[in-house]
Protein backbone atom coordinates (compact mmCIF):
# COMPACT_ATOMS: atom_id res chain seq x y z
CA MET A 1 4.92 6.60 -6.95
CA GLN A 2 1.67 5.80 -5.21
CA LEU A 3 0.52 2.33 -4.06
CA SER A 4 -2.62 1.15 -2.32
CA THR A 5 -2.79 -0.50 1.09
CA ASP A 6 -5.05 -3.09 -0.64
CA LEU A 7 -1.87 -4.60 -2.17
CA PHE A 8 -0.24 -5.11 1.32
CA HIS A 9 -0.80 -7.28 4.34
CA TRP A 10 -0.88 -5.45 7.68
CA GLN A 11 0.81 -7.04 10.74
CA LYS A 12 -0.78 -5.23 13.64
CA ASP A 13 1.59 -6.61 16.29
CA THR A 14 4.77 -5.46 14.45
CA LYS A 15 3.18 -2.44 12.68
CA CYS A 16 4.51 -3.67 9.34
CA PHE A 17 3.04 -3.64 5.90
CA SER A 18 4.30 -6.45 3.66
CA ALA A 19 3.83 -7.58 0.06
CA GLU A 20 5.60 -9.78 -2.44
CA ALA A 21 7.36 -7.84 -5.21
CA SER A 22 5.55 -9.66 -8.03
CA ASP A 23 2.15 -8.63 -6.59
CA LEU A 24 3.08 -4.96 -6.85
CA GLY A 25 3.81 -4.88 -10.54
CA LEU A 26 7.00 -2.83 -10.10
CA ASN A 27 9.69 -2.63 -12.78
CA GLN A 28 12.22 -1.59 -10.15
CA ILE A 29 12.14 -1.03 -6.34
CA PRO A 30 11.58 2.69 -5.55
CA GLU A 31 13.63 4.63 -2.98
CA THR A 32 10.49 6.43 -1.76
CA PHE A 33 6.79 5.95 -2.32
CA SER A 34 3.39 6.82 -0.96
CA LEU A 35 1.04 4.19 0.44
CA THR A 36 -2.62 5.22 0.38
CA ASN A 37 -5.62 3.63 2.14
CA PRO A 38 -8.44 3.92 -0.49
CA LYS A 39 -11.17 3.85 2.24
CA THR A 40 -9.81 6.71 4.39
CA ARG A 41 -7.71 8.38 1.63
CA ILE A 42 -4.91 8.78 4.20
CA SER A 43 -1.49 8.53 2.68
CA MET A 44 1.88 7.80 4.28
CA VAL A 45 5.27 8.23 2.65
CA PHE A 46 7.82 5.39 3.07
CA LYS A 47 11.58 5.77 2.50
CA PHE A 48 13.98 2.83 1.72
CA THR A 49 16.26 1.86 4.64
CA HIS A 50 18.05 -1.37 3.65
CA LYS A 51 18.01 -4.76 1.82
CA ASP A 52 17.88 -8.14 3.44
CA MET A 53 20.59 -10.15 1.68
CA ASP A 54 21.97 -13.71 1.87
CA SER A 55 25.38 -14.32 3.40
CA THR A 56 27.16 -14.04 0.01
CA GLY A 57 25.55 -10.69 -0.82
CA GLU A 58 24.32 -12.08 -4.07
CA ASP A 59 20.64 -12.63 -3.43
CA THR A 60 18.12 -10.08 -2.08
CA TYR A 61 15.45 -11.43 0.20
CA GLY A 62 13.58 -8.18 0.68
CA TRP A 63 13.56 -4.36 0.78
CA ASN A 64 12.84 -2.49 4.03
CA TYR A 65 11.17 0.88 4.44
CA VAL A 66 10.15 3.16 7.21
CA SER A 67 7.42 5.77 7.34
CA THR A 68 8.70 9.29 7.25
CA THR A 69 5.98 10.51 9.63
CA ASN A 70 5.78 7.59 12.10
CA LYS A 71 9.06 5.70 12.51
CA SER A 72 7.31 2.81 14.28
CA ILE A 73 5.51 1.86 11.03
CA THR A 74 7.57 -0.16 8.64
CA LEU A 75 7.12 -1.87 5.31
CA LEU A 76 8.72 -4.90 3.66
CA ILE A 77 8.68 -5.82 -0.02
CA ILE A 78 9.59 -9.52 -0.22
CA ASN A 79 11.60 -10.70 -3.22
CA ASP A 80 9.76 -13.83 -4.37
């Protein structure tokens, strides 16, 4: 699956891309996907690492990913 950086917000200080799940139009949350900057055409692959859950384990707040090429760049999909 390939997504555009235009769908995400970039937090420079934390090196994290973030987006709300509903803005991405996904039917399900992928394990791995490619994020591409349409201006530079540079792509980066992100791999799922973990879910942020409530204390009961019933509700998911977000899905966390890390770049496979640069571990300091992360991505968060927020469950809205």
